[in-house]
């Protein structure tokens, strides 16, 4: 699903999207919840999930049955994407090591 899709045909997408937004709004609106740690935790989750997300995107873009042969990710771009993924993974690992000391 995406935000351009009709609401009636993409009920699961819009329902889950709305539920996540409302949950986030409730969490940050609770009295006494320290917002800075919430921001840090959300960014840690984003950083940890970024690497598998990028791997999935590259894998899908290499699959001819998903994007078609004319839009398939070329080998050179795949190597660059792989290098980027390695850099992201190294950065997340380094931040994790420093944070756990």
PDB file of N, CA and C in Angstrom:
ATOM      1  N   UNK A   1       0.805  -1.186   0.000  1.00  0.00           N
ATOM      2  CA  UNK A   1       0.000   0.000   0.000  1.00  0.00           C
ATOM      3  C   UNK A   1       0.848   1.250   0.000  1.00  0.00           C
ATOM      4  N   UNK A   2       0.234   2.337  -0.345  1.00  0.00           N
ATOM      5  CA  UNK A   2       0.894   3.633  -0.260  1.00  0.00           C
ATOM      6  C   UNK A   2      -0.148   4.711   0.000  1.00  0.00           C
ATOM      7  N   UNK A   3       0.318   5.899   0.286  1.00  0.00           N
ATOM      8  CA  UNK A   3      -0.597   6.980   0.653  1.00  0.00           C
ATOM      9  C   UNK A   3      -1.379   7.532  -0.527  1.00  0.00           C
ATOM     10  N   UNK A   4      -1.027   7.135  -1.754  1.00  0.00           N
ATOM     11  CA  UNK A   4      -1.783   7.557  -2.932  1.00  0.00           C
ATOM     12  C   UNK A   4      -2.901   6.580  -3.285  1.00  0.00           C
ATOM     13  N   UNK A   5      -2.916   5.416  -2.645  1.00  0.00           N
ATOM     14  CA  UNK A   5      -3.914   4.392  -2.951  1.00  0.00           C
ATOM     15  C   UNK A   5      -5.271   4.791  -2.371  1.00  0.00           C
ATOM     16  N   UNK A   6      -6.349   4.365  -3.027  1.00  0.00           N
ATOM     17  CA  UNK A   6      -7.689   4.652  -2.495  1.00  0.00           C
ATOM     18  C   UNK A   6      -7.891   4.000  -1.122  1.00  0.00           C
ATOM     19  N   UNK A   7      -8.546   4.715  -0.242  1.00  0.00           N
ATOM     20  CA  UNK A   7      -8.739   4.241   1.125  1.00  0.00           C
ATOM     21  C   UNK A   7      -9.504   2.923   1.183  1.00  0.00           C
ATOM     22  N   UNK A   8     -10.515   2.772   0.374  1.00  0.00           N
ATOM     23  CA  UNK A   8     -11.352   1.573   0.442  1.00  0.00           C
ATOM     24  C   UNK A   8     -10.625   0.323  -0.040  1.00  0.00           C
ATOM     25  N   UNK A   9      -9.687   0.458  -0.964  1.00  0.00           N
ATOM     26  CA  UNK A   9      -8.997  -0.731  -1.473  1.00  0.00           C
ATOM     27  C   UNK A   9      -7.778  -1.095  -0.636  1.00  0.00           C
ATOM     28  N   UNK A  10      -7.307  -0.181   0.175  1.00  0.00           N
ATOM     29  CA  UNK A  10      -6.114  -0.431   0.991  1.00  0.00           C
ATOM     30  C   UNK A  10      -6.431  -0.257   2.476  1.00  0.00           C
ATOM     31  N   UNK A  11      -7.447  -0.942   2.934  1.00  0.00           N
ATOM     32  CA  UNK A  11      -7.901  -0.782   4.320  1.00  0.00           C
ATOM     33  C   UNK A  11      -6.847  -1.204   5.333  1.00  0.00           C
ATOM     34  N   UNK A  12      -6.165  -2.332   5.072  1.00  0.00           N
ATOM     35  CA  UNK A  12      -5.151  -2.799   6.022  1.00  0.00           C
ATOM     36  C   UNK A  12      -4.026  -1.773   6.150  1.00  0.00           C
ATOM     37  N   UNK A  13      -3.555  -1.252   5.019  1.00  0.00           N
ATOM     38  CA  UNK A  13      -2.468  -0.265   5.049  1.00  0.00           C
ATOM     39  C   UNK A  13      -2.888   0.973   5.829  1.00  0.00           C
ATOM     40  N   UNK A  14      -4.032   1.547   5.472  1.00  0.00           N
ATOM     41  CA  UNK A  14      -4.474   2.765   6.148  1.00  0.00           C
ATOM     42  C   UNK A  14      -4.805   2.509   7.616  1.00  0.00           C
ATOM     43  N   UNK A  15      -5.353   1.349   7.919  1.00  0.00           N
ATOM     44  CA  UNK A  15      -5.658   1.015   9.311  1.00  0.00           C
ATOM     45  C   UNK A  15      -4.403   0.897  10.156  1.00  0.00           C
ATOM     46  N   UNK A  16      -3.394   0.187   9.650  1.00  0.00           N
ATOM     47  CA  UNK A  16      -2.156   0.035  10.409  1.00  0.00           C
ATOM     48  C   UNK A  16      -1.403   1.360  10.504  1.00  0.00           C
ATOM     49  N   UNK A  17      -1.421   2.140   9.429  1.00  0.00           N
ATOM     50  CA  UNK A  17      -0.767   3.456   9.438  1.00  0.00           C
ATOM     51  C   UNK A  17      -1.416   4.358  10.485  1.00  0.00           C
ATOM     52  N   UNK A  18      -2.737   4.394  10.506  1.00  0.00           N
ATOM     53  CA  UNK A  18      -3.467   5.212  11.476  1.00  0.00           C
ATOM     54  C   UNK A  18      -3.209   4.733  12.898  1.00  0.00           C
ATOM     55  N   UNK A  19      -3.205   3.416  13.109  1.00  0.00           N
ATOM     56  CA  UNK A  19      -2.956   2.869  14.443  1.00  0.00           C
ATOM     57  C   UNK A  19      -1.561   3.243  14.942  1.00  0.00           C
ATOM     58  N   UNK A  20      -0.562   3.176  14.077  1.00  0.00           N
ATOM     59  CA  UNK A  20       0.797   3.540  14.484  1.00  0.00           C
ATOM     60  C   UNK A  20       0.908   5.025  14.822  1.00  0.00           C
ATOM     61  N   UNK A  21       0.291   5.868  14.015  1.00  0.00           N
ATOM     62  CA  UNK A  21       0.339   7.312  14.279  1.00  0.00           C
ATOM     63  C   UNK A  21      -0.378   7.633  15.589  1.00  0.00           C
ATOM     64  N   UNK A  22      -1.541   7.032  15.810  1.00  0.00           N
ATOM     65  CA  UNK A  22      -2.278   7.281  17.051  1.00  0.00           C
ATOM     66  C   UNK A  22      -1.520   6.759  18.267  1.00  0.00           C
ATOM     67  N   UNK A  23      -0.898   5.588  18.146  1.00  0.00           N
ATOM     68  CA  UNK A  23      -0.108   5.039  19.249  1.00  0.00           C
ATOM     69  C   UNK A  23       1.047   5.971  19.599  1.00  0.00           C
ATOM     70  N   UNK A  24       1.740   6.462  18.580  1.00  0.00           N
ATOM     71  CA  UNK A  24       2.847   7.395  18.820  1.00  0.00           C
ATOM     72  C   UNK A  24       2.347   8.675  19.479  1.00  0.00           C
ATOM     73  N   UNK A  25       1.209   9.178  19.026  1.00  0.00           N
ATOM     74  CA  UNK A  25       0.655  10.402  19.606  1.00  0.00           C
ATOM     75  C   UNK A  25       0.279  10.199  21.069  1.00  0.00           C
ATOM     76  N   UNK A  26      -0.290   9.041  21.389  1.00  0.00           N
ATOM     77  CA  UNK A  26      -0.666   8.754  22.777  1.00  0.00           C
ATOM     78  C   UNK A  26       0.580   8.651  23.651  1.00  0.00           C
ATOM     79  N   UNK A  27       1.615   7.960  23.167  1.00  0.00           N
ATOM     80  CA  UNK A  27       2.834   7.775  23.963  1.00  0.00           C
ATOM     81  C   UNK A  27       3.484   9.114  24.287  1.00  0.00           C
ATOM     82  N   UNK A  28       3.632   9.981  23.299  1.00  0.00           N
ATOM     83  CA  UNK A  28       4.306  11.261  23.566  1.00  0.00           C
ATOM     84  C   UNK A  28       3.404  12.240  24.309  1.00  0.00           C
ATOM     85  N   UNK A  29       2.106  11.968  24.378  1.00  0.00           N
ATOM     86  CA  UNK A  29       1.183  12.852  25.098  1.00  0.00           C
ATOM     87  C   UNK A  29       0.997  12.460  26.558  1.00  0.00           C
ATOM     88  N   UNK A  30       1.475  11.286  26.948  1.00  0.00           N
ATOM     89  CA  UNK A  30       1.319  10.854  28.333  1.00  0.00           C
ATOM     90  C   UNK A  30       2.110  11.774  29.259  1.00  0.00           C
ATOM     91  N   UNK A  31       1.484  12.190  30.356  1.00  0.00           N
ATOM     92  CA  UNK A  31       2.208  13.060  31.283  1.00  0.00           C
ATOM     93  C   UNK A  31       3.350  12.294  31.955  1.00  0.00           C
ATOM     94  N   UNK A  32       4.472  12.967  32.082  1.00  0.00           N
ATOM     95  CA  UNK A  32       5.611  12.355  32.759  1.00  0.00           C
ATOM     96  C   UNK A  32       6.528  11.549  31.863  1.00  0.00           C
ATOM     97  N   UNK A  33       6.160  11.358  30.614  1.00  0.00           N
ATOM     98  CA  UNK A  33       7.028  10.610  29.703  1.00  0.00           C
ATOM     99  C   UNK A  33       8.140  11.547  29.236  1.00  0.00           C
ATOM    100  N   UNK A  34       9.401  11.180  29.513  1.00  0.00           N
ATOM    101  CA  UNK A  34      10.507  12.037  29.084  1.00  0.00           C
ATOM    102  C   UNK A  34      10.690  11.942  27.567  1.00  0.00           C
ATOM    103  N   UNK A  35      10.524  13.056  26.871  1.00  0.00           N
ATOM    104  CA  UNK A  35      10.505  13.034  25.412  1.00  0.00           C
ATOM    105  C   UNK A  35      11.875  12.782  24.792  1.00  0.00           C
ATOM    106  N   UNK A  36      12.939  13.287  25.405  1.00  0.00           N
ATOM    107  CA  UNK A  36      14.276  13.093  24.828  1.00  0.00           C
ATOM    108  C   UNK A  36      14.649  11.609  24.793  1.00  0.00           C
ATOM    109  N   UNK A  37      14.466  10.843  25.879  1.00  0.00           N
ATOM    110  CA  UNK A  37      14.739   9.404  25.778  1.00  0.00           C
ATOM    111  C   UNK A  37      13.843   8.691  24.757  1.00  0.00           C
ATOM    112  N   UNK A  38      12.604   9.140  24.612  1.00  0.00           N
ATOM    113  CA  UNK A  38      11.723   8.547  23.597  1.00  0.00           C
ATOM    114  C   UNK A  38      12.302   8.780  22.206  1.00  0.00           C
ATOM    115  N   UNK A  39      12.813   9.983  21.963  1.00  0.00           N
ATOM    116  CA  UNK A  39      13.435  10.291  20.672  1.00  0.00           C
ATOM    117  C   UNK A  39      14.659   9.411  20.460  1.00  0.00           C
ATOM    118  N   UNK A  40      15.507   9.275  21.491  1.00  0.00           N
ATOM    119  CA  UNK A  40      16.705   8.447  21.361  1.00  0.00           C
ATOM    120  C   UNK A  40      16.353   6.989  21.081  1.00  0.00           C
ATOM    121  N   UNK A  41      15.383   6.451  21.803  1.00  0.00           N
ATOM    122  CA  UNK A  41      14.986   5.053  21.592  1.00  0.00           C
ATOM    123  C   UNK A  41      14.425   4.859  20.190  1.00  0.00           C
ATOM    124  N   UNK A  42      13.621   5.801  19.725  1.00  0.00           N
ATOM    125  CA  UNK A  42      13.063   5.658  18.373  1.00  0.00           C
ATOM    126  C   UNK A  42      14.165   5.697  17.321  1.00  0.00           C
ATOM    127  N   UNK A  43      15.196   6.513  17.541  1.00  0.00           N
ATOM    128  CA  UNK A  43      16.300   6.576  16.580  1.00  0.00           C
ATOM    129  C   UNK A  43      17.175   5.329  16.646  1.00  0.00           C
ATOM    130  N   UNK A  44      17.305   4.727  17.817  1.00  0.00           N
ATOM    131  CA  UNK A  44      18.036   3.460  17.931  1.00  0.00           C
ATOM    132  C   UNK A  44      17.303   2.376  17.153  1.00  0.00           C
ATOM    133  N   UNK A  45      15.990   2.323  17.308  1.00  0.00           N
ATOM    134  CA  UNK A  45      15.196   1.340  16.565  1.00  0.00           C
ATOM    135  C   UNK A  45      15.334   1.581  15.067  1.00  0.00           C
ATOM    136  N   UNK A  46      15.274   2.842  14.641  1.00  0.00           N
ATOM    137  CA  UNK A  46      15.452   3.166  13.219  1.00  0.00           C
ATOM    138  C   UNK A  46      16.806   2.706  12.713  1.00  0.00           C
ATOM    139  N   UNK A  47      17.857   2.952  13.483  1.00  0.00           N
ATOM    140  CA  UNK A  47      19.204   2.576  13.055  1.00  0.00           C
ATOM    141  C   UNK A  47      19.355   1.067  12.941  1.00  0.00           C
ATOM    142  N   UNK A  48      18.800   0.339  13.900  1.00  0.00           N
ATOM    143  CA  UNK A  48      18.909  -1.125  13.876  1.00  0.00           C
ATOM    144  C   UNK A  48      18.131  -1.714  12.701  1.00  0.00           C
ATOM    145  N   UNK A  49      16.984  -1.143  12.395  1.00  0.00           N
ATOM    146  CA  UNK A  49      16.158  -1.673  11.305  1.00  0.00           C
ATOM    147  C   UNK A  49      16.586  -1.188   9.921  1.00  0.00           C
ATOM    148  N   UNK A  50      17.460  -0.183   9.853  1.00  0.00           N
ATOM    149  CA  UNK A  50      17.863   0.367   8.559  1.00  0.00           C
ATOM    150  C   UNK A  50      18.607  -0.649   7.702  1.00  0.00           C
ATOM    151  N   UNK A  51      19.547  -1.391   8.279  1.00  0.00           N
ATOM    152  CA  UNK A  51      20.339  -2.338   7.489  1.00  0.00           C
ATOM    153  C   UNK A  51      19.478  -3.420   6.843  1.00  0.00           C
ATOM    154  N   UNK A  52      18.630  -4.144   7.593  1.00  0.00           N
ATOM    155  CA  UNK A  52      17.805  -5.148   6.910  1.00  0.00           C
ATOM    156  C   UNK A  52      16.848  -4.534   5.892  1.00  0.00           C
ATOM    157  N   UNK A  53      16.398  -3.321   6.163  1.00  0.00           N
ATOM    158  CA  UNK A  53      15.515  -2.631   5.220  1.00  0.00           C
ATOM    159  C   UNK A  53      16.247  -2.369   3.905  1.00  0.00           C
ATOM    160  N   UNK A  54      17.473  -1.878   3.992  1.00  0.00           N
ATOM    161  CA  UNK A  54      18.265  -1.613   2.786  1.00  0.00           C
ATOM    162  C   UNK A  54      18.574  -2.899   2.028  1.00  0.00           C
ATOM    163  N   UNK A  55      18.900  -3.964   2.753  1.00  0.00           N
ATOM    164  CA  UNK A  55      19.166  -5.257   2.101  1.00  0.00           C
ATOM    165  C   UNK A  55      17.926  -5.723   1.350  1.00  0.00           C
ATOM    166  N   UNK A  56      16.762  -5.602   1.961  1.00  0.00           N
ATOM    167  CA  UNK A  56      15.520  -5.998   1.306  1.00  0.00           C
ATOM    168  C   UNK A  56      15.264  -5.160   0.059  1.00  0.00           C
ATOM    169  N   UNK A  57      15.480  -3.853   0.145  1.00  0.00           N
ATOM    170  CA  UNK A  57      15.268  -2.986  -1.017  1.00  0.00           C
ATOM    171  C   UNK A  57      16.192  -3.351  -2.172  1.00  0.00           C
ATOM    172  N   UNK A  58      17.463  -3.597  -1.879  1.00  0.00           N
ATOM    173  CA  UNK A  58      18.407  -3.979  -2.938  1.00  0.00           C
ATOM    174  C   UNK A  58      18.011  -5.327  -3.523  1.00  0.00           C
ATOM    175  N   UNK A  59      17.641  -6.272  -2.667  1.00  0.00           N
ATOM    176  CA  UNK A  59      17.229  -7.596  -3.146  1.00  0.00           C
ATOM    177  C   UNK A  59      16.007  -7.493  -4.049  1.00  0.00           C
ATOM    178  N   UNK A  60      15.022  -6.715  -3.651  1.00  0.00           N
ATOM    179  CA  UNK A  60      13.828  -6.550  -4.481  1.00  0.00           C
ATOM    180  C   UNK A  60      14.151  -5.863  -5.801  1.00  0.00           C
ATOM    181  N   UNK A  61      15.056  -4.886  -5.777  1.00  0.00           N
ATOM    182  CA  UNK A  61      15.420  -4.178  -7.000  1.00  0.00           C
ATOM    183  C   UNK A  61      16.300  -5.002  -7.925  1.00  0.00           C
ATOM    184  N   UNK A  62      16.843  -6.098  -7.449  1.00  0.00           N
ATOM    185  CA  UNK A  62      17.617  -7.001  -8.300  1.00  0.00           C
ATOM    186  C   UNK A  62      16.729  -8.071  -8.941  1.00  0.00           C
ATOM    187  N   UNK A  63      15.525  -8.231  -8.459  1.00  0.00           N
ATOM    188  CA  UNK A  63      14.624  -9.289  -8.927  1.00  0.00           C
ATOM    189  C   UNK A  63      13.839  -8.817 -10.153  1.00  0.00           C
ATOM    190  N   UNK A  64      14.079  -9.469 -11.282  1.00  0.00           N
ATOM    191  CA  UNK A  64      13.402  -9.101 -12.533  1.00  0.00           C
ATOM    192  C   UNK A  64      11.883  -9.261 -12.440  1.00  0.00           C
ATOM    193  N   UNK A  65      11.429 -10.242 -11.676  1.00  0.00           N
ATOM    194  CA  UNK A  65       9.986 -10.472 -11.587  1.00  0.00           C
ATOM    195  C   UNK A  65       9.287  -9.381 -10.770  1.00  0.00           C
ATOM    196  N   UNK A  66      10.040  -8.639  -9.981  1.00  0.00           N
ATOM    197  CA  UNK A  66       9.451  -7.576  -9.168  1.00  0.00           C
ATOM    198  C   UNK A  66       9.456  -6.246  -9.914  1.00  0.00           C
ATOM    199  N   UNK A  67      10.608  -5.861 -10.486  1.00  0.00           N
ATOM    200  CA  UNK A  67      10.735  -4.543 -11.112  1.00  0.00           C
ATOM    201  C   UNK A  67      10.784  -4.597 -12.630  1.00  0.00           C
ATOM    202  N   UNK A  68      10.855  -5.789 -13.196  1.00  0.00           N
ATOM    203  CA  UNK A  68      10.969  -5.912 -14.647  1.00  0.00           C
ATOM    204  C   UNK A  68      12.422  -5.836 -15.080  1.00  0.00           C
ATOM    205  N   UNK A  69      12.723  -6.406 -16.236  1.00  0.00           N
ATOM    206  CA  UNK A  69      14.125  -6.454 -16.673  1.00  0.00           C
ATOM    207  C   UNK A  69      14.719  -5.082 -16.988  1.00  0.00           C
ATOM    208  N   UNK A  70      13.888  -4.149 -17.429  1.00  0.00           N
ATOM    209  CA  UNK A  70      14.426  -2.837 -17.807  1.00  0.00           C
ATOM    210  C   UNK A  70      14.731  -1.940 -16.606  1.00  0.00           C
ATOM    211  N   UNK A  71      14.170  -2.266 -15.441  1.00  0.00           N
ATOM    212  CA  UNK A  71      14.392  -1.438 -14.250  1.00  0.00           C
ATOM    213  C   UNK A  71      15.226  -2.141 -13.191  1.00  0.00           C
ATOM    214  N   UNK A  72      15.723  -3.314 -13.513  1.00  0.00           N
ATOM    215  CA  UNK A  72      16.520  -4.093 -12.565  1.00  0.00           C
ATOM    216  C   UNK A  72      17.784  -3.324 -12.196  1.00  0.00           C
ATOM    217  N   UNK A  73      18.177  -3.398 -10.930  1.00  0.00           N
ATOM    218  CA  UNK A  73      19.370  -2.712 -10.439  1.00  0.00           C
ATOM    219  C   UNK A  73      20.615  -3.323 -11.074  1.00  0.00           C
ATOM    220  N   UNK A  74      21.422  -2.494 -11.719  1.00  0.00           N
ATOM    221  CA  UNK A  74      22.624  -2.964 -12.408  1.00  0.00           C
ATOM    222  C   UNK A  74      23.690  -3.400 -11.401  1.00  0.00           C
ATOM    223  N   UNK A  75      24.638  -4.203 -11.881  1.00  0.00           N
ATOM    224  CA  UNK A  75      25.682  -4.741 -11.005  1.00  0.00           C
ATOM    225  C   UNK A  75      26.500  -3.641 -10.332  1.00  0.00           C
ATOM    226  N   UNK A  76      26.841  -2.602 -11.076  1.00  0.00           N
ATOM    227  CA  UNK A  76      27.623  -1.513 -10.489  1.00  0.00           C
ATOM    228  C   UNK A  76      26.891  -0.822  -9.354  1.00  0.00           C
ATOM    229  N   UNK A  77      25.609  -0.561  -9.574  1.00  0.00           N
ATOM    230  CA  UNK A  77      24.803   0.073  -8.527  1.00  0.00           C
ATOM    231  C   UNK A  77      24.607  -0.865  -7.342  1.00  0.00           C
ATOM    232  N   UNK A  78      24.537  -2.162  -7.621  1.00  0.00           N
ATOM    233  CA  UNK A  78      24.408  -3.133  -6.533  1.00  0.00           C
ATOM    234  C   UNK A  78      25.658  -3.115  -5.659  1.00  0.00           C
ATOM    235  N   UNK A  79      26.834  -3.017  -6.289  1.00  0.00           N
ATOM    236  CA  UNK A  79      28.085  -2.931  -5.525  1.00  0.00           C
ATOM    237  C   UNK A  79      28.119  -1.661  -4.674  1.00  0.00           C
ATOM    238  N   UNK A  80      27.698  -0.543  -5.254  1.00  0.00           N
ATOM    239  CA  UNK A  80      27.651   0.707  -4.482  1.00  0.00           C
ATOM    240  C   UNK A  80      26.649   0.612  -3.332  1.00  0.00           C
ATOM    241  N   UNK A  81      25.509   0.006  -3.599  1.00  0.00           N
ATOM    242  CA  UNK A  81      24.506  -0.174  -2.541  1.00  0.00           C
ATOM    243  C   UNK A  81      25.057  -1.073  -1.442  1.00  0.00           C
ATOM    244  N   UNK A  82      25.759  -2.136  -1.834  1.00  0.00           N
ATOM    245  CA  UNK A  82      26.378  -3.028  -0.849  1.00  0.00           C
ATOM    246  C   UNK A  82      27.393  -2.298   0.010  1.00  0.00           C
ATOM    247  N   UNK A  83      28.203  -1.444  -0.627  1.00  0.00           N
ATOM    248  CA  UNK A  83      29.181  -0.654   0.133  1.00  0.00           C
ATOM    249  C   UNK A  83      28.470   0.290   1.101  1.00  0.00           C
ATOM    250  N   UNK A  84      27.384   0.886   0.654  1.00  0.00           N
ATOM    251  CA  UNK A  84      26.609   1.759   1.535  1.00  0.00           C
ATOM    252  C   UNK A  84      26.020   1.001   2.713  1.00  0.00           C
ATOM    253  N   UNK A  85      25.532  -0.198   2.447  1.00  0.00           N
ATOM    254  CA  UNK A  85      24.965  -1.021   3.517  1.00  0.00           C
ATOM    255  C   UNK A  85      26.042  -1.387   4.526  1.00  0.00           C
ATOM    256  N   UNK A  86      27.234  -1.730   4.032  1.00  0.00           N
ATOM    257  CA  UNK A  86      28.349  -2.053   4.932  1.00  0.00           C
ATOM    258  C   UNK A  86      28.711  -0.838   5.788  1.00  0.00           C
ATOM    259  N   UNK A  87      28.728   0.353   5.187  1.00  0.00           N
ATOM    260  CA  UNK A  87      29.025   1.570   5.955  1.00  0.00           C
ATOM    261  C   UNK A  87      27.960   1.837   7.017  1.00  0.00           C
ATOM    262  N   UNK A  88      26.708   1.654   6.661  1.00  0.00           N
ATOM    263  CA  UNK A  88      25.624   1.846   7.635  1.00  0.00           C
ATOM    264  C   UNK A  88      25.766   0.846   8.775  1.00  0.00           C
ATOM    265  N   UNK A  89      26.021  -0.419   8.441  1.00  0.00           N
ATOM    266  CA  UNK A  89      26.179  -1.455   9.462  1.00  0.00           C
ATOM    267  C   UNK A  89      27.372  -1.153  10.365  1.00  0.00           C
ATOM    268  N   UNK A  90      28.484  -0.707   9.773  1.00  0.00           N
ATOM    269  CA  UNK A  90      29.662  -0.355  10.572  1.00  0.00           C
ATOM    270  C   UNK A  90      29.359   0.821  11.497  1.00  0.00           C
ATOM    271  N   UNK A  91      28.635   1.800  10.998  1.00  0.00           N
ATOM    272  CA  UNK A  91      28.286   2.967  11.818  1.00  0.00           C
ATOM    273  C   UNK A  91      27.378   2.583  12.981  1.00  0.00           C
ATOM    274  N   UNK A  92      26.372   1.782  12.695  1.00  0.00           N
ATOM    275  CA  UNK A  92      25.444   1.352  13.748  1.00  0.00           C
ATOM    276  C   UNK A  92      26.182   0.510  14.781  1.00  0.00           C
ATOM    277  N   UNK A  93      27.065  -0.370  14.316  1.00  0.00           N
ATOM    278  CA  UNK A  93      27.844  -1.205  15.236  1.00  0.00           C
ATOM    279  C   UNK A  93      28.753  -0.344  16.107  1.00  0.00           C
ATOM    280  N   UNK A  94      29.435   0.626  15.500  1.00  0.00           N
ATOM    281  CA  UNK A  94      30.329   1.506  16.260  1.00  0.00           C
ATOM    282  C   UNK A  94      29.556   2.308  17.301  1.00  0.00           C
ATOM    283  N   UNK A  95      28.413   2.829  16.913  1.00  0.00           N
ATOM    284  CA  UNK A  95      27.592   3.585  17.866  1.00  0.00           C
ATOM    285  C   UNK A  95      27.133   2.675  19.003  1.00  0.00           C
ATOM    286  N   UNK A  96      26.752   1.441  18.669  1.00  0.00           N
ATOM    287  CA  UNK A  96      26.335   0.492  19.697  1.00  0.00           C
ATOM    288  C   UNK A  96      27.452   0.145  20.657  1.00  0.00           C
ATOM    289  N   UNK A  97      28.670  -0.059  20.133  1.00  0.00           N
ATOM    290  CA  UNK A  97      29.820  -0.381  20.986  1.00  0.00           C
ATOM    291  C   UNK A  97      30.134   0.786  21.914  1.00  0.00           C
ATOM    292  N   UNK A  98      30.139   1.991  21.372  1.00  0.00           N
ATOM    293  CA  UNK A  98      30.432   3.177  22.193  1.00  0.00           C
ATOM    294  C   UNK A  98      29.343   3.380  23.245  1.00  0.00           C
ATOM    295  N   UNK A  99      28.099   3.173  22.868  1.00  0.00           N
ATOM    296  CA  UNK A  99      26.987   3.389  23.801  1.00  0.00           C
ATOM    297  C   UNK A  99      26.982   2.375  24.939  1.00  0.00           C
ATOM    298  N   UNK A 100      27.466   1.162  24.688  1.00  0.00           N
ATOM    299  CA  UNK A 100      27.436   0.117  25.708  1.00  0.00           C
ATOM    300  C   UNK A 100      28.637   0.158  26.651  1.00  0.00           C
ATOM    301  N   UNK A 101      29.591   1.020  26.389  1.00  0.00           N
ATOM    302  CA  UNK A 101      30.762   1.119  27.282  1.00  0.00           C
ATOM    303  C   UNK A 101      30.431   1.859  28.535  1.00  0.00           C
TER     304      UNK A 101
END
